[in-house]
PDB file of N, CA and C in Angstrom:
ATOM      1  N   UNK A   1     105.766 253.652 -30.864  1.00  0.00           N
ATOM      2  CA  UNK A   1     105.597 252.325 -30.192  1.00  0.00           C
ATOM      3  C   UNK A   1     105.009 251.574 -30.055  1.00  0.00           C
ATOM      4  N   UNK A   2     103.938 250.546 -30.937  1.00  0.00           N
ATOM      5  CA  UNK A   2     103.409 249.631 -30.691  1.00  0.00           C
ATOM      6  C   UNK A   2     101.941 249.644 -29.008  1.00  0.00           C
ATOM      7  N   UNK A   3     101.157 249.469 -28.817  1.00  0.00           N
ATOM      8  CA  UNK A   3     100.719 249.117 -27.663  1.00  0.00           C
ATOM      9  C   UNK A   3     101.107 247.785 -27.087  1.00  0.00           C
ATOM     10  N   UNK A   4     100.857 246.641 -28.084  1.00  0.00           N
ATOM     11  CA  UNK A   4     101.257 244.904 -27.645  1.00  0.00           C
ATOM     12  C   UNK A   4     102.785 245.734 -26.943  1.00  0.00           C
ATOM     13  N   UNK A   5     103.740 246.214 -27.698  1.00  0.00           N
ATOM     14  CA  UNK A   5     105.010 245.957 -26.840  1.00  0.00           C
ATOM     15  C   UNK A   5     105.435 247.269 -25.706  1.00  0.00           C
ATOM     16  N   UNK A   6     104.436 247.813 -25.586  1.00  0.00           N
ATOM     17  CA  UNK A   6     104.682 248.593 -24.213  1.00  0.00           C
ATOM     18  C   UNK A   6     104.003 247.662 -23.153  1.00  0.00           C
ATOM     19  N   UNK A   7     103.157 246.160 -23.628  1.00  0.00           N
ATOM     20  CA  UNK A   7     103.205 245.866 -22.716  1.00  0.00           C
ATOM     21  C   UNK A   7     103.711 244.505 -22.405  1.00  0.00           C
ATOM     22  N   UNK A   8     105.148 244.331 -22.973  1.00  0.00           N
ATOM     23  CA  UNK A   8     105.702 243.648 -22.812  1.00  0.00           C
ATOM     24  C   UNK A   8     107.187 244.327 -21.993  1.00  0.00           C
ATOM     25  N   UNK A   9     106.788 245.378 -22.236  1.00  0.00           N
ATOM     26  CA  UNK A   9     107.877 246.026 -20.854  1.00  0.00           C
ATOM     27  C   UNK A   9     107.760 246.343 -19.493  1.00  0.00           C
ATOM     28  N   UNK A  10     106.847 245.621 -19.273  1.00  0.00           N
ATOM     29  CA  UNK A  10     106.096 245.668 -17.996  1.00  0.00           C
ATOM     30  C   UNK A  10     106.903 244.960 -16.818  1.00  0.00           C
ATOM     31  N   UNK A  11     107.238 246.102 -15.963  1.00  0.00           N
ATOM     32  CA  UNK A  11     108.514 245.204 -14.781  1.00  0.00           C
ATOM     33  C   UNK A  11     110.081 245.497 -15.632  1.00  0.00           C
ATOM     34  N   UNK A  12     109.763 245.776 -16.457  1.00  0.00           N
ATOM     35  CA  UNK A  12     111.179 246.500 -17.055  1.00  0.00           C
ATOM     36  C   UNK A  12     111.401 247.711 -16.305  1.00  0.00           C
ATOM     37  N   UNK A  13     113.811 247.514 -16.805  1.00  0.00           N
ATOM     38  CA  UNK A  13     114.209 249.477 -16.830  1.00  0.00           C
ATOM     39  C   UNK A  13     113.592 250.305 -17.436  1.00  0.00           C
ATOM     40  N   UNK A  14     113.133 249.232 -18.230  1.00  0.00           N
ATOM     41  CA  UNK A  14     112.903 249.783 -19.893  1.00  0.00           C
ATOM     42  C   UNK A  14     111.407 250.318 -19.673  1.00  0.00           C
ATOM     43  N   UNK A  15     109.692 250.173 -19.070  1.00  0.00           N
ATOM     44  CA  UNK A  15     108.733 250.257 -18.696  1.00  0.00           C
ATOM     45  C   UNK A  15     108.721 251.786 -18.983  1.00  0.00           C
ATOM     46  N   UNK A  16     107.893 252.113 -19.806  1.00  0.00           N
ATOM     47  CA  UNK A  16     107.433 253.055 -20.252  1.00  0.00           C
ATOM     48  C   UNK A  16     105.726 253.535 -19.809  1.00  0.00           C
ATOM     49  N   UNK A  17     105.051 252.134 -18.973  1.00  0.00           N
ATOM     50  CA  UNK A  17     103.999 252.517 -18.660  1.00  0.00           C
ATOM     51  C   UNK A  17     103.761 252.568 -16.625  1.00  0.00           C
ATOM     52  N   UNK A  18     104.258 252.507 -16.831  1.00  0.00           N
ATOM     53  CA  UNK A  18     104.745 252.305 -14.910  1.00  0.00           C
ATOM     54  C   UNK A  18     105.125 253.815 -14.632  1.00  0.00           C
ATOM     55  N   UNK A  19     104.663 254.502 -14.021  1.00  0.00           N
ATOM     56  CA  UNK A  19     104.884 256.020 -13.445  1.00  0.00           C
ATOM     57  C   UNK A  19     106.031 256.067 -13.062  1.00  0.00           C
ATOM     58  N   UNK A  20     107.251 255.438 -12.502  1.00  0.00           N
ATOM     59  CA  UNK A  20     108.506 255.311 -11.508  1.00  0.00           C
ATOM     60  C   UNK A  20     109.203 256.683 -13.030  1.00  0.00           C
ATOM     61  N   UNK A  21     109.900 257.141 -11.844  1.00  0.00           N
ATOM     62  CA  UNK A  21     109.893 256.755 -10.185  1.00  0.00           C
ATOM     63  C   UNK A  21     109.002 258.035  -8.909  1.00  0.00           C
ATOM     64  N   UNK A  22     108.002 258.228  -9.860  1.00  0.00           N
ATOM     65  CA  UNK A  22     107.216 259.138  -9.018  1.00  0.00           C
ATOM     66  C   UNK A  22     106.739 257.596  -7.721  1.00  0.00           C
ATOM     67  N   UNK A  23     106.039 256.842  -8.269  1.00  0.00           N
ATOM     68  CA  UNK A  23     105.519 255.481  -7.556  1.00  0.00           C
ATOM     69  C   UNK A  23     107.246 254.639  -7.582  1.00  0.00           C
ATOM     70  N   UNK A  24     107.393 253.290  -6.471  1.00  0.00           N
ATOM     71  CA  UNK A  24     107.696 252.967  -6.547  1.00  0.00           C
ATOM     72  C   UNK A  24     107.920 251.850  -7.619  1.00  0.00           C
ATOM     73  N   UNK A  25     108.771 251.028  -8.269  1.00  0.00           N
ATOM     74  CA  UNK A  25     108.917 250.883  -9.593  1.00  0.00           C
ATOM     75  C   UNK A  25     108.392 249.371  -9.547  1.00  0.00           C
ATOM     76  N   UNK A  26     107.463 249.112 -10.658  1.00  0.00           N
ATOM     77  CA  UNK A  26     107.184 247.681 -10.432  1.00  0.00           C
ATOM     78  C   UNK A  26     108.723 246.903 -10.764  1.00  0.00           C
ATOM     79  N   UNK A  27     108.831 245.866 -10.073  1.00  0.00           N
ATOM     80  CA  UNK A  27     109.761 244.961 -11.153  1.00  0.00           C
ATOM     81  C   UNK A  27     109.441 243.097 -10.696  1.00  0.00           C
ATOM     82  N   UNK A  28     110.307 242.304 -11.347  1.00  0.00           N
ATOM     83  CA  UNK A  28     110.539 241.040 -11.184  1.00  0.00           C
ATOM     84  C   UNK A  28     112.127 240.392 -10.881  1.00  0.00           C
ATOM     85  N   UNK A  29     111.601 239.005 -10.416  1.00  0.00           N
ATOM     86  CA  UNK A  29     113.020 238.209 -10.294  1.00  0.00           C
ATOM     87  C   UNK A  29     113.616 238.030 -11.165  1.00  0.00           C
ATOM     88  N   UNK A  30     112.972 238.226 -12.586  1.00  0.00           N
ATOM     89  CA  UNK A  30     113.071 237.726 -13.624  1.00  0.00           C
ATOM     90  C   UNK A  30     112.721 238.492 -14.644  1.00  0.00           C
ATOM     91  N   UNK A  31     112.586 238.335 -16.392  1.00  0.00           N
ATOM     92  CA  UNK A  31     111.729 238.937 -17.170  1.00  0.00           C
ATOM     93  C   UNK A  31     110.169 238.536 -17.074  1.00  0.00           C
ATOM     94  N   UNK A  32     110.176 239.331 -17.347  1.00  0.00           N
ATOM     95  CA  UNK A  32     108.485 239.225 -17.792  1.00  0.00           C
ATOM     96  C   UNK A  32     108.070 237.833 -18.348  1.00  0.00           C
ATOM     97  N   UNK A  33     107.440 237.028 -17.416  1.00  0.00           N
ATOM     98  CA  UNK A  33     106.682 235.636 -18.394  1.00  0.00           C
ATOM     99  C   UNK A  33     106.041 235.057 -16.739  1.00  0.00           C
ATOM    100  N   UNK A  34     105.086 233.848 -16.968  1.00  0.00           N
ATOM    101  CA  UNK A  34     104.971 233.083 -15.959  1.00  0.00           C
ATOM    102  C   UNK A  34     106.201 232.597 -14.824  1.00  0.00           C
ATOM    103  N   UNK A  35     105.577 232.975 -14.178  1.00  0.00           N
ATOM    104  CA  UNK A  35     106.178 232.182 -12.996  1.00  0.00           C
ATOM    105  C   UNK A  35     107.117 233.480 -12.160  1.00  0.00           C
ATOM    106  N   UNK A  36     107.796 234.676 -12.776  1.00  0.00           N
ATOM    107  CA  UNK A  36     107.999 235.766 -12.567  1.00  0.00           C
ATOM    108  C   UNK A  36     107.282 236.984 -11.145  1.00  0.00           C
ATOM    109  N   UNK A  37     108.095 236.227 -10.503  1.00  0.00           N
ATOM    110  CA  UNK A  37     107.556 237.214  -9.251  1.00  0.00           C
ATOM    111  C   UNK A  37     108.478 238.437  -8.642  1.00  0.00           C
ATOM    112  N   UNK A  38     107.055 238.955  -7.864  1.00  0.00           N
ATOM    113  CA  UNK A  38     107.969 240.867  -7.565  1.00  0.00           C
ATOM    114  C   UNK A  38     106.711 241.284  -7.406  1.00  0.00           C
ATOM    115  N   UNK A  39     106.746 242.175  -7.880  1.00  0.00           N
ATOM    116  CA  UNK A  39     105.333 243.729  -7.348  1.00  0.00           C
ATOM    117  C   UNK A  39     106.358 245.178  -7.427  1.00  0.00           C
ATOM    118  N   UNK A  40     105.657 245.839  -6.776  1.00  0.00           N
ATOM    119  CA  UNK A  40     106.038 247.428  -6.468  1.00  0.00           C
ATOM    120  C   UNK A  40     105.231 247.528  -4.720  1.00  0.00           C
ATOM    121  N   UNK A  41     106.589 248.075  -4.523  1.00  0.00           N
ATOM    122  CA  UNK A  41     106.318 248.515  -2.396  1.00  0.00           C
ATOM    123  C   UNK A  41     105.988 247.463  -1.733  1.00  0.00           C
ATOM    124  N   UNK A  42     104.899 247.039  -1.054  1.00  0.00           N
ATOM    125  CA  UNK A  42     104.602 245.791  -0.815  1.00  0.00           C
ATOM    126  C   UNK A  42     103.265 245.220  -1.442  1.00  0.00           C
ATOM    127  N   UNK A  43     102.752 245.373  -2.374  1.00  0.00           N
ATOM    128  CA  UNK A  43     102.428 244.747  -3.404  1.00  0.00           C
ATOM    129  C   UNK A  43     103.463 244.169  -3.853  1.00  0.00           C
ATOM    130  N   UNK A  44     102.760 242.168  -3.097  1.00  0.00           N
ATOM    131  CA  UNK A  44     103.151 241.463  -4.089  1.00  0.00           C
ATOM    132  C   UNK A  44     102.985 240.761  -4.859  1.00  0.00           C
ATOM    133  N   UNK A  45     103.227 239.963  -6.260  1.00  0.00           N
ATOM    134  CA  UNK A  45     102.477 239.533  -6.560  1.00  0.00           C
ATOM    135  C   UNK A  45     103.259 238.145  -7.648  1.00  0.00           C
ATOM    136  N   UNK A  46     102.736 237.345  -8.304  1.00  0.00           N
ATOM    137  CA  UNK A  46     103.325 236.695  -9.376  1.00  0.00           C
ATOM    138  C   UNK A  46     103.318 236.917 -10.776  1.00  0.00           C
ATOM    139  N   UNK A  47     103.554 236.209 -12.070  1.00  0.00           N
ATOM    140  CA  UNK A  47     102.954 236.530 -13.190  1.00  0.00           C
ATOM    141  C   UNK A  47     102.960 234.316 -13.260  1.00  0.00           C
ATOM    142  N   UNK A  48     100.744 234.784 -13.235  1.00  0.00           N
ATOM    143  CA  UNK A  48     100.786 233.245 -13.667  1.00  0.00           C
ATOM    144  C   UNK A  48      99.951 232.997 -14.774  1.00  0.00           C
ATOM    145  N   UNK A  49      99.911 234.223 -15.728  1.00  0.00           N
ATOM    146  CA  UNK A  49      99.412 233.749 -17.768  1.00  0.00           C
ATOM    147  C   UNK A  49     100.371 235.028 -17.969  1.00  0.00           C
ATOM    148  N   UNK A  50     100.565 234.702 -19.459  1.00  0.00           N
ATOM    149  CA  UNK A  50     101.397 236.052 -19.762  1.00  0.00           C
ATOM    150  C   UNK A  50     101.821 235.182 -21.577  1.00  0.00           C
ATOM    151  N   UNK A  51     100.547 236.250 -22.150  1.00  0.00           N
ATOM    152  CA  UNK A  51     100.954 235.924 -23.528  1.00  0.00           C
ATOM    153  C   UNK A  51     101.750 237.085 -24.028  1.00  0.00           C
ATOM    154  N   UNK A  52     102.524 237.070 -24.831  1.00  0.00           N
ATOM    155  CA  UNK A  52     103.289 237.944 -24.974  1.00  0.00           C
ATOM    156  C   UNK A  52     102.320 239.011 -26.179  1.00  0.00           C
ATOM    157  N   UNK A  53     102.349 240.697 -25.875  1.00  0.00           N
ATOM    158  CA  UNK A  53     101.845 241.464 -26.881  1.00  0.00           C
ATOM    159  C   UNK A  53     100.121 241.804 -26.916  1.00  0.00           C
ATOM    160  N   UNK A  54      99.492 240.510 -25.504  1.00  0.00           N
ATOM    161  CA  UNK A  54      98.342 240.761 -25.415  1.00  0.00           C
ATOM    162  C   UNK A  54      97.632 240.360 -23.374  1.00  0.00           C
ATOM    163  N   UNK A  55      98.804 239.671 -23.497  1.00  0.00           N
ATOM    164  CA  UNK A  55      97.914 239.390 -21.934  1.00  0.00           C
ATOM    165  C   UNK A  55      98.946 239.891 -21.314  1.00  0.00           C
ATOM    166  N   UNK A  56      98.815 240.608 -19.727  1.00  0.00           N
ATOM    167  CA  UNK A  56      99.635 239.233 -18.684  1.00  0.00           C
ATOM    168  C   UNK A  56      98.428 239.762 -17.408  1.00  0.00           C
ATOM    169  N   UNK A  57      98.717 238.840 -16.871  1.00  0.00           N
ATOM    170  CA  UNK A  57      97.904 238.704 -14.988  1.00  0.00           C
ATOM    171  C   UNK A  57      99.009 238.101 -14.673  1.00  0.00           C
ATOM    172  N   UNK A  58      98.566 238.815 -13.110  1.00  0.00           N
ATOM    173  CA  UNK A  58      99.529 238.523 -11.802  1.00  0.00           C
ATOM    174  C   UNK A  58      97.953 237.882 -11.017  1.00  0.00           C
ATOM    175  N   UNK A  59      98.924 237.346 -10.226  1.00  0.00           N
ATOM    176  CA  UNK A  59      97.981 236.775  -9.302  1.00  0.00           C
ATOM    177  C   UNK A  59      98.981 236.852  -7.493  1.00  0.00           C
ATOM    178  N   UNK A  60      97.696 237.863  -6.891  1.00  0.00           N
ATOM    179  CA  UNK A  60      98.437 238.112  -5.527  1.00  0.00           C
ATOM    180  C   UNK A  60      99.365 237.650  -4.933  1.00  0.00           C
ATOM    181  N   UNK A  61      99.416 237.451  -3.653  1.00  0.00           N
ATOM    182  CA  UNK A  61     100.681 237.519  -2.664  1.00  0.00           C
ATOM    183  C   UNK A  61      99.666 237.378  -1.768  1.00  0.00           C
ATOM    184  N   UNK A  62      99.567 235.924  -1.231  1.00  0.00           N
ATOM    185  CA  UNK A  62      98.859 236.146  -0.042  1.00  0.00           C
ATOM    186  C   UNK A  62      98.848 237.580   1.095  1.00  0.00           C
ATOM    187  N   UNK A  63      99.542 237.386   0.859  1.00  0.00           N
ATOM    188  CA  UNK A  63     100.595 238.502   2.501  1.00  0.00           C
ATOM    189  C   UNK A  63     100.009 240.247   2.260  1.00  0.00           C
ATOM    190  N   UNK A  64      99.602 240.123   0.544  1.00  0.00           N
ATOM    191  CA  UNK A  64      99.209 241.514   0.392  1.00  0.00           C
ATOM    192  C   UNK A  64      97.505 241.967   0.809  1.00  0.00           C
ATOM    193  N   UNK A  65      96.992 241.173   1.208  1.00  0.00           N
ATOM    194  CA  UNK A  65      95.604 240.905   1.358  1.00  0.00           C
ATOM    195  C   UNK A  65      94.511 240.948   0.647  1.00  0.00           C
ATOM    196  N   UNK A  66      95.044 240.698  -0.963  1.00  0.00           N
ATOM    197  CA  UNK A  66      94.277 240.178  -1.521  1.00  0.00           C
ATOM    198  C   UNK A  66      94.127 239.072  -2.223  1.00  0.00           C
ATOM    199  N   UNK A  67      93.199 237.929  -2.368  1.00  0.00           N
ATOM    200  CA  UNK A  67      92.841 237.309  -3.041  1.00  0.00           C
ATOM    201  C   UNK A  67      92.120 236.860  -4.454  1.00  0.00           C
ATOM    202  N   UNK A  68      92.755 237.187  -5.481  1.00  0.00           N
ATOM    203  CA  UNK A  68      92.783 236.706  -6.673  1.00  0.00           C
ATOM    204  C   UNK A  68      93.720 237.688  -7.359  1.00  0.00           C
ATOM    205  N   UNK A  69      93.490 238.886  -8.486  1.00  0.00           N
ATOM    206  CA  UNK A  69      94.483 238.166 -10.531  1.00  0.00           C
ATOM    207  C   UNK A  69      94.337 240.271 -11.106  1.00  0.00           C
ATOM    208  N   UNK A  70      95.775 240.751 -11.045  1.00  0.00           N
ATOM    209  CA  UNK A  70      95.477 241.569 -11.479  1.00  0.00           C
ATOM    210  C   UNK A  70      95.856 241.558 -13.591  1.00  0.00           C
ATOM    211  N   UNK A  71      95.034 242.239 -13.621  1.00  0.00           N
ATOM    212  CA  UNK A  71      95.272 241.507 -15.429  1.00  0.00           C
ATOM    213  C   UNK A  71      95.058 242.793 -16.174  1.00  0.00           C
ATOM    214  N   UNK A  72      96.529 243.027 -17.289  1.00  0.00           N
ATOM    215  CA  UNK A  72      96.554 243.773 -18.508  1.00  0.00           C
ATOM    216  C   UNK A  72      96.241 243.113 -19.460  1.00  0.00           C
ATOM    217  N   UNK A  73      95.632 243.410 -19.910  1.00  0.00           N
ATOM    218  CA  UNK A  73      95.109 243.279 -21.761  1.00  0.00           C
ATOM    219  C   UNK A  73      94.856 244.095 -22.647  1.00  0.00           C
ATOM    220  N   UNK A  74      95.139 243.033 -24.223  1.00  0.00           N
ATOM    221  CA  UNK A  74      96.025 244.615 -25.369  1.00  0.00           C
ATOM    222  C   UNK A  74      94.932 244.546 -26.117  1.00  0.00           C
ATOM    223  N   UNK A  75      93.116 244.890 -26.385  1.00  0.00           N
ATOM    224  CA  UNK A  75      92.398 243.891 -27.204  1.00  0.00           C
ATOM    225  C   UNK A  75      91.977 244.874 -28.565  1.00  0.00           C
ATOM    226  N   UNK A  76      92.949 244.217 -30.026  1.00  0.00           N
ATOM    227  CA  UNK A  76      92.972 245.639 -30.827  1.00  0.00           C
ATOM    228  C   UNK A  76      90.580 245.371 -31.350  1.00  0.00           C
ATOM    229  N   UNK A  77      90.025 245.799 -31.103  1.00  0.00           N
ATOM    230  CA  UNK A  77      89.294 247.285 -31.673  1.00  0.00           C
ATOM    231  C   UNK A  77      88.650 247.287 -33.359  1.00  0.00           C
ATOM    232  N   UNK A  78      89.628 247.159 -34.003  1.00  0.00           N
ATOM    233  CA  UNK A  78      89.320 248.116 -35.298  1.00  0.00           C
ATOM    234  C   UNK A  78      90.888 247.373 -35.303  1.00  0.00           C
ATOM    235  N   UNK A  79      90.848 247.541 -37.614  1.00  0.00           N
ATOM    236  CA  UNK A  79      92.037 248.060 -38.210  1.00  0.00           C
ATOM    237  C   UNK A  79      93.620 248.820 -37.400  1.00  0.00           C
ATOM    238  N   UNK A  80      92.651 250.080 -37.213  1.00  0.00           N
ATOM    239  CA  UNK A  80      93.846 250.684 -36.687  1.00  0.00           C
ATOM    240  C   UNK A  80      93.594 251.183 -34.686  1.00  0.00           C
ATOM    241  N   UNK A  81      92.744 250.822 -33.940  1.00  0.00           N
ATOM    242  CA  UNK A  81      92.722 250.486 -33.064  1.00  0.00           C
ATOM    243  C   UNK A  81      92.636 249.707 -32.087  1.00  0.00           C
ATOM    244  N   UNK A  82      93.410 249.940 -30.923  1.00  0.00           N
ATOM    245  CA  UNK A  82      93.092 248.832 -29.637  1.00  0.00           C
ATOM    246  C   UNK A  82      92.718 249.534 -28.427  1.00  0.00           C
ATOM    247  N   UNK A  83      92.848 249.076 -27.560  1.00  0.00           N
ATOM    248  CA  UNK A  83      92.421 249.087 -25.566  1.00  0.00           C
ATOM    249  C   UNK A  83      93.329 248.282 -25.531  1.00  0.00           C
ATOM    250  N   UNK A  84      93.528 248.765 -23.838  1.00  0.00           N
ATOM    251  CA  UNK A  84      94.683 248.339 -22.988  1.00  0.00           C
ATOM    252  C   UNK A  84      93.289 248.101 -22.288  1.00  0.00           C
ATOM    253  N   UNK A  85      93.070 247.370 -21.544  1.00  0.00           N
ATOM    254  CA  UNK A  85      92.142 246.655 -19.938  1.00  0.00           C
ATOM    255  C   UNK A  85      92.666 246.128 -19.348  1.00  0.00           C
ATOM    256  N   UNK A  86      92.395 246.897 -18.200  1.00  0.00           N
ATOM    257  CA  UNK A  86      92.907 246.978 -16.721  1.00  0.00           C
ATOM    258  C   UNK A  86      91.555 246.049 -16.054  1.00  0.00           C
ATOM    259  N   UNK A  87      92.324 244.693 -15.361  1.00  0.00           N
ATOM    260  CA  UNK A  87      90.882 244.238 -14.754  1.00  0.00           C
ATOM    261  C   UNK A  87      91.331 243.455 -13.268  1.00  0.00           C
ATOM    262  N   UNK A  88      90.871 243.831 -12.200  1.00  0.00           N
ATOM    263  CA  UNK A  88      91.135 243.587 -10.657  1.00  0.00           C
ATOM    264  C   UNK A  88      89.987 242.848 -10.112  1.00  0.00           C
ATOM    265  N   UNK A  89      90.376 241.493 -10.481  1.00  0.00           N
ATOM    266  CA  UNK A  89      89.652 241.045  -9.404  1.00  0.00           C
ATOM    267  C   UNK A  89      89.835 240.159  -8.145  1.00  0.00           C
ATOM    268  N   UNK A  90      89.066 240.232  -6.743  1.00  0.00           N
ATOM    269  CA  UNK A  90      89.638 239.453  -5.764  1.00  0.00           C
ATOM    270  C   UNK A  90      87.910 239.684  -4.466  1.00  0.00           C
ATOM    271  N   UNK A  91      88.913 239.153  -3.810  1.00  0.00           N
ATOM    272  CA  UNK A  91      88.540 238.793  -2.363  1.00  0.00           C
ATOM    273  C   UNK A  91      88.845 239.545  -1.585  1.00  0.00           C
ATOM    274  N   UNK A  92      88.602 240.354  -0.507  1.00  0.00           N
ATOM    275  CA  UNK A  92      89.694 241.942   0.459  1.00  0.00           C
ATOM    276  C   UNK A  92      90.458 240.092   1.214  1.00  0.00           C
ATOM    277  N   UNK A  93      91.612 240.850   2.151  1.00  0.00           N
ATOM    278  CA  UNK A  93      91.345 239.472   3.350  1.00  0.00           C
ATOM    279  C   UNK A  93      92.580 240.679   4.181  1.00  0.00           C
ATOM    280  N   UNK A  94      91.669 240.473   5.329  1.00  0.00           N
ATOM    281  CA  UNK A  94      92.754 240.867   6.502  1.00  0.00           C
ATOM    282  C   UNK A  94      92.793 242.650   6.834  1.00  0.00           C
ATOM    283  N   UNK A  95      93.504 242.759   6.786  1.00  0.00           N
ATOM    284  CA  UNK A  95      93.443 244.630   6.919  1.00  0.00           C
ATOM    285  C   UNK A  95      93.601 245.178   5.353  1.00  0.00           C
ATOM    286  N   UNK A  96      93.919 244.294   4.577  1.00  0.00           N
ATOM    287  CA  UNK A  96      93.735 245.080   3.612  1.00  0.00           C
ATOM    288  C   UNK A  96      92.320 245.320   2.773  1.00  0.00           C
ATOM    289  N   UNK A  97      91.122 244.807   4.087  1.00  0.00           N
ATOM    290  CA  UNK A  97      89.914 245.232   3.882  1.00  0.00           C
ATOM    291  C   UNK A  97      89.385 246.651   4.737  1.00  0.00           C
ATOM    292  N   UNK A  98      90.636 246.868   5.272  1.00  0.00           N
ATOM    293  CA  UNK A  98      90.155 248.596   5.557  1.00  0.00           C
ATOM    294  C   UNK A  98      91.040 248.849   4.761  1.00  0.00           C
ATOM    295  N   UNK A  99      92.070 248.698   4.086  1.00  0.00           N
ATOM    296  CA  UNK A  99      92.973 249.723   3.767  1.00  0.00           C
ATOM    297  C   UNK A  99      92.597 249.449   2.305  1.00  0.00           C
ATOM    298  N   UNK A 100      92.077 249.315   1.729  1.00  0.00           N
ATOM    299  CA  UNK A 100      91.715 249.394   0.175  1.00  0.00           C
ATOM    300  C   UNK A 100      90.359 250.463  -0.206  1.00  0.00           C
ATOM    301  N   UNK A 101      89.952 250.278   0.520  1.00  0.00           N
ATOM    302  CA  UNK A 101      88.495 251.882   1.051  1.00  0.00           C
ATOM    303  C   UNK A 101      88.629 252.913   1.359  1.00  0.00           C
ATOM    304  N   UNK A 102      90.242 252.766   2.411  1.00  0.00           N
ATOM    305  CA  UNK A 102      89.994 253.782   2.666  1.00  0.00           C
ATOM    306  C   UNK A 102      91.333 254.312   2.334  1.00  0.00           C
ATOM    307  N   UNK A 103      91.994 253.506   1.258  1.00  0.00           N
ATOM    308  CA  UNK A 103      94.117 254.329   1.067  1.00  0.00           C
ATOM    309  C   UNK A 103      93.927 253.729  -0.576  1.00  0.00           C
ATOM    310  N   UNK A 104      94.392 252.737  -0.426  1.00  0.00           N
ATOM    311  CA  UNK A 104      94.663 251.501  -1.692  1.00  0.00           C
ATOM    312  C   UNK A 104      93.932 252.173  -2.557  1.00  0.00           C
ATOM    313  N   UNK A 105      93.043 251.820  -2.745  1.00  0.00           N
ATOM    314  CA  UNK A 105      91.940 252.518  -3.909  1.00  0.00           C
ATOM    315  C   UNK A 105      92.184 253.163  -5.069  1.00  0.00           C
ATOM    316  N   UNK A 106      92.299 254.027  -3.635  1.00  0.00           N
ATOM    317  CA  UNK A 106      92.475 256.070  -4.424  1.00  0.00           C
ATOM    318  C   UNK A 106      94.365 255.894  -5.455  1.00  0.00           C
ATOM    319  N   UNK A 107      95.272 254.831  -4.639  1.00  0.00           N
ATOM    320  CA  UNK A 107      96.723 254.796  -5.639  1.00  0.00           C
ATOM    321  C   UNK A 107      96.502 254.129  -5.887  1.00  0.00           C
ATOM    322  N   UNK A 108      96.053 253.334  -6.293  1.00  0.00           N
ATOM    323  CA  UNK A 108      94.983 251.980  -7.003  1.00  0.00           C
ATOM    324  C   UNK A 108      95.958 253.396  -8.174  1.00  0.00           C
ATOM    325  N   UNK A 109      94.048 253.609  -8.074  1.00  0.00           N
ATOM    326  CA  UNK A 109      93.895 254.150  -9.593  1.00  0.00           C
ATOM    327  C   UNK A 109      94.297 255.218  -9.998  1.00  0.00           C
ATOM    328  N   UNK A 110      95.049 256.506  -9.304  1.00  0.00           N
ATOM    329  CA  UNK A 110      95.846 258.026  -9.517  1.00  0.00           C
ATOM    330  C   UNK A 110      97.324 256.953 -10.627  1.00  0.00           C
ATOM    331  N   UNK A 111      97.845 255.793 -10.078  1.00  0.00           N
ATOM    332  CA  UNK A 111      97.983 255.126 -10.697  1.00  0.00           C
ATOM    333  C   UNK A 111      98.234 254.647 -12.100  1.00  0.00           C
ATOM    334  N   UNK A 112      96.908 253.944 -12.422  1.00  0.00           N
ATOM    335  CA  UNK A 112      96.230 253.999 -13.106  1.00  0.00           C
ATOM    336  C   UNK A 112      96.113 254.632 -14.787  1.00  0.00           C
ATOM    337  N   UNK A 113      96.222 255.346 -13.953  1.00  0.00           N
ATOM    338  CA  UNK A 113      95.120 256.809 -14.974  1.00  0.00           C
ATOM    339  C   UNK A 113      96.195 257.614 -14.708  1.00  0.00           C
TER     340      UNK A 113
END
């Protein structure tokens, strides 16, 4: 399966990228697209940009304690190569200012890697 198609399956029951059932599954209130809301566990966000096969941007809900975005982007790097780029940009607020360095960062990196 091509990487572009894998990106489009994020949050679906057929999602091959998210490590469920080991981790709480990523789920949305509707198919992946701008305006879909959901998340995984207590981490909540909504899709604020979606370019099928290329980019998915999630904006964190204020209750999450992160004021920012989480982006997955497919970038062709040659005729037979592609990079899946992950970018987390934001400002920590409230209890997440302590939780991120003590716990959440390690869990986040484990899920993605």
